[in-house]
Amino acid sequence: MLDDLRNSVNSAYEEELIEEEHIRGGRYTIERPPFLGMSPFQRFIVALVFFLMVAILGILLLVVFQKIMPPI
C-alpha cells in the first residue's frame, strides 16, 4: 500500500496541472492577486507621491532644525 505512495501523488499532481492547463486555454501562468486592488500604474503613482512627501518633509525638518539654510 505505501510502496507506491510517492508515485501516486506525483501522477495525481501532474493530472491536476494538466486539467488546469486545459481550463486556462493551454497557457500555464501564475496569477497574482491585485495588491490593494490597484493596477501597477496606480501603485507607481502612490509610491511616487509617498516618496515626494517624505523628501519634502525631510527637507522641511532640516530647515526647521537649522541644519541647512534656504538660499534667500
N, C-alpha and C. Protein backbone atom coordinates (compact mmCIF):
# COMPACT_ATOMS: atom_id res chain seq x y z
N MET A 1 0.82 -1.19 0.00
CA MET A 1 0.00 0.00 0.00
C MET A 1 0.86 1.26 0.00
N LEU A 2 1.85 1.33 0.86
CA LEU A 2 2.69 2.52 0.95
C LEU A 2 3.87 2.47 -0.01
N ASP A 3 4.06 1.37 -0.72
CA ASP A 3 5.20 1.24 -1.61
C ASP A 3 5.14 2.24 -2.76
N ASP A 4 3.97 2.45 -3.29
CA ASP A 4 3.83 3.30 -4.48
C ASP A 4 3.17 4.64 -4.15
N LEU A 5 3.25 5.05 -2.91
CA LEU A 5 2.58 6.27 -2.48
C LEU A 5 3.15 7.51 -3.18
N ARG A 6 4.47 7.61 -3.25
CA ARG A 6 5.09 8.77 -3.87
C ARG A 6 4.72 8.89 -5.34
N ASN A 7 4.74 7.80 -6.07
CA ASN A 7 4.39 7.83 -7.49
C ASN A 7 2.92 8.18 -7.70
N SER A 8 2.06 7.70 -6.83
CA SER A 8 0.64 8.01 -6.99
C SER A 8 0.37 9.49 -6.73
N VAL A 9 1.07 10.08 -5.78
CA VAL A 9 0.92 11.51 -5.51
C VAL A 9 1.43 12.32 -6.69
N ASN A 10 2.58 11.96 -7.24
CA ASN A 10 3.13 12.69 -8.39
C ASN A 10 2.20 12.62 -9.59
N SER A 11 1.65 11.45 -9.85
CA SER A 11 0.76 11.33 -11.01
C SER A 11 -0.53 12.13 -10.79
N ALA A 12 -1.05 12.15 -9.56
CA ALA A 12 -2.25 12.93 -9.28
C ALA A 12 -1.96 14.43 -9.46
N TYR A 13 -0.78 14.87 -9.05
CA TYR A 13 -0.40 16.27 -9.19
C TYR A 13 -0.26 16.64 -10.67
N GLU A 14 0.35 15.76 -11.45
CA GLU A 14 0.51 16.02 -12.88
C GLU A 14 -0.85 16.09 -13.57
N GLU A 15 -1.77 15.22 -13.18
CA GLU A 15 -3.11 15.24 -13.76
C GLU A 15 -3.82 16.56 -13.42
N GLU A 16 -3.61 17.04 -12.20
CA GLU A 16 -4.22 18.31 -11.79
C GLU A 16 -3.66 19.47 -12.60
N LEU A 17 -2.34 19.47 -12.85
CA LEU A 17 -1.73 20.52 -13.66
C LEU A 17 -2.27 20.49 -15.09
N ILE A 18 -2.46 19.29 -15.64
CA ILE A 18 -2.98 19.17 -17.00
C ILE A 18 -4.40 19.70 -17.06
N GLU A 19 -5.21 19.42 -16.05
CA GLU A 19 -6.58 19.93 -16.02
C GLU A 19 -6.59 21.45 -15.94
N GLU A 20 -5.74 22.03 -15.11
CA GLU A 20 -5.67 23.49 -15.00
C GLU A 20 -5.21 24.12 -16.31
N GLU A 21 -4.25 23.49 -16.97
CA GLU A 21 -3.76 24.00 -18.24
C GLU A 21 -4.86 23.95 -19.29
N HIS A 22 -5.64 22.90 -19.27
CA HIS A 22 -6.73 22.76 -20.22
C HIS A 22 -7.80 23.83 -19.96
N ILE A 23 -8.08 24.12 -18.70
CA ILE A 23 -9.08 25.12 -18.35
C ILE A 23 -8.61 26.52 -18.78
N ARG A 24 -7.35 26.81 -18.63
CA ARG A 24 -6.83 28.14 -18.95
C ARG A 24 -6.53 28.32 -20.44
N GLY A 25 -6.82 27.36 -21.23
CA GLY A 25 -6.62 27.52 -22.67
C GLY A 25 -5.21 27.20 -23.12
N GLY A 26 -4.51 26.34 -22.44
CA GLY A 26 -3.20 25.91 -22.89
C GLY A 26 -2.05 26.75 -22.40
N ARG A 27 -2.29 27.75 -21.62
CA ARG A 27 -1.17 28.54 -21.10
C ARG A 27 -1.12 28.36 -19.59
N TYR A 28 0.09 28.19 -19.10
CA TYR A 28 0.28 27.96 -17.67
C TYR A 28 0.90 29.22 -17.08
N THR A 29 0.10 29.97 -16.33
CA THR A 29 0.59 31.19 -15.70
C THR A 29 0.19 31.17 -14.23
N ILE A 30 0.96 31.87 -13.44
CA ILE A 30 0.64 32.03 -12.03
C ILE A 30 0.00 33.40 -11.89
N GLU A 31 -1.25 33.41 -11.49
CA GLU A 31 -1.96 34.68 -11.36
C GLU A 31 -1.80 35.19 -9.93
N ARG A 32 -1.40 36.43 -9.83
CA ARG A 32 -1.23 37.05 -8.52
C ARG A 32 -2.48 37.85 -8.18
N PRO A 33 -2.84 37.87 -6.93
CA PRO A 33 -3.99 38.73 -6.56
C PRO A 33 -3.56 40.20 -6.63
N PRO A 34 -4.46 41.09 -6.98
CA PRO A 34 -4.09 42.50 -7.07
C PRO A 34 -3.73 43.05 -5.68
N PHE A 35 -2.65 43.81 -5.63
CA PHE A 35 -2.19 44.39 -4.37
C PHE A 35 -3.01 45.64 -4.08
N LEU A 36 -3.78 45.62 -3.02
CA LEU A 36 -4.64 46.72 -2.61
C LEU A 36 -5.67 47.09 -3.68
N GLY A 37 -5.93 46.19 -4.61
CA GLY A 37 -6.94 46.42 -5.63
C GLY A 37 -6.54 47.48 -6.65
N MET A 38 -5.23 47.72 -6.82
CA MET A 38 -4.77 48.77 -7.74
C MET A 38 -4.00 48.15 -8.89
N SER A 39 -3.99 48.87 -10.01
CA SER A 39 -3.19 48.45 -11.15
C SER A 39 -1.72 48.84 -10.88
N PRO A 40 -0.80 48.30 -11.67
CA PRO A 40 0.61 48.67 -11.46
C PRO A 40 0.87 50.17 -11.60
N PHE A 41 0.20 50.82 -12.55
CA PHE A 41 0.40 52.27 -12.73
C PHE A 41 -0.10 53.04 -11.51
N GLN A 42 -1.23 52.64 -10.95
CA GLN A 42 -1.75 53.31 -9.76
C GLN A 42 -0.82 53.11 -8.57
N ARG A 43 -0.26 51.92 -8.43
CA ARG A 43 0.71 51.68 -7.35
C ARG A 43 1.95 52.53 -7.53
N PHE A 44 2.39 52.74 -8.79
CA PHE A 44 3.54 53.60 -9.05
C PHE A 44 3.26 55.02 -8.62
N ILE A 45 2.08 55.54 -8.95
CA ILE A 45 1.72 56.91 -8.58
C ILE A 45 1.69 57.06 -7.06
N VAL A 46 1.12 56.08 -6.35
CA VAL A 46 1.08 56.13 -4.89
C VAL A 46 2.49 56.12 -4.32
N ALA A 47 3.37 55.26 -4.87
CA ALA A 47 4.75 55.22 -4.39
C ALA A 47 5.48 56.53 -4.67
N LEU A 48 5.24 57.13 -5.82
CA LEU A 48 5.88 58.39 -6.17
C LEU A 48 5.42 59.52 -5.24
N VAL A 49 4.13 59.58 -4.97
CA VAL A 49 3.60 60.60 -4.06
C VAL A 49 4.16 60.41 -2.66
N PHE A 50 4.24 59.15 -2.21
CA PHE A 50 4.81 58.88 -0.88
C PHE A 50 6.27 59.30 -0.82
N PHE A 51 7.04 59.02 -1.86
CA PHE A 51 8.45 59.42 -1.90
C PHE A 51 8.58 60.94 -1.83
N LEU A 52 7.76 61.65 -2.61
CA LEU A 52 7.84 63.11 -2.60
C LEU A 52 7.45 63.69 -1.25
N MET A 53 6.45 63.11 -0.60
CA MET A 53 6.06 63.58 0.73
C MET A 53 7.20 63.42 1.73
N VAL A 54 7.86 62.27 1.70
CA VAL A 54 8.97 62.03 2.63
C VAL A 54 10.12 62.98 2.34
N ALA A 55 10.43 63.20 1.07
CA ALA A 55 11.53 64.10 0.71
C ALA A 55 11.22 65.53 1.14
N ILE A 56 10.03 66.00 0.88
CA ILE A 56 9.66 67.38 1.24
C ILE A 56 9.64 67.56 2.76
N LEU A 57 9.07 66.60 3.47
CA LEU A 57 9.06 66.70 4.94
C LEU A 57 10.47 66.63 5.51
N GLY A 58 11.33 65.83 4.91
CA GLY A 58 12.72 65.74 5.37
C GLY A 58 13.45 67.06 5.19
N ILE A 59 13.29 67.68 4.03
CA ILE A 59 13.92 68.98 3.78
C ILE A 59 13.35 70.03 4.72
N LEU A 60 12.04 70.00 4.94
CA LEU A 60 11.41 70.96 5.84
C LEU A 60 11.96 70.82 7.27
N LEU A 61 12.11 69.59 7.74
CA LEU A 61 12.67 69.39 9.07
C LEU A 61 14.13 69.85 9.17
N LEU A 62 14.91 69.64 8.11
CA LEU A 62 16.29 70.12 8.12
C LEU A 62 16.34 71.64 8.20
N VAL A 63 15.41 72.31 7.55
CA VAL A 63 15.36 73.78 7.62
C VAL A 63 14.91 74.23 9.01
N VAL A 64 13.90 73.55 9.57
CA VAL A 64 13.38 73.93 10.90
C VAL A 64 14.46 73.78 11.97
N PHE A 65 15.23 72.71 11.90
CA PHE A 65 16.28 72.49 12.90
C PHE A 65 17.59 73.17 12.53
N GLN A 66 17.56 74.01 11.52
CA GLN A 66 18.68 74.84 11.06
C GLN A 66 19.93 74.03 10.75
N LYS A 67 19.71 72.87 10.14
CA LYS A 67 20.85 72.09 9.67
C LYS A 67 21.25 72.53 8.27
N ILE A 68 20.28 73.07 7.54
CA ILE A 68 20.55 73.69 6.25
C ILE A 68 19.82 75.03 6.21
N MET A 69 20.30 75.94 5.41
CA MET A 69 19.67 77.25 5.28
C MET A 69 19.20 77.42 3.84
N PRO A 70 17.95 77.81 3.66
CA PRO A 70 17.48 78.04 2.29
C PRO A 70 18.15 79.28 1.69
N PRO A 71 18.48 79.23 0.40
CA PRO A 71 19.13 80.41 -0.21
C PRO A 71 18.11 81.53 -0.42
N ILE A 72 18.27 82.60 0.36
CA ILE A 72 17.35 83.73 0.25
C ILE A 72 18.12 84.97 -0.16
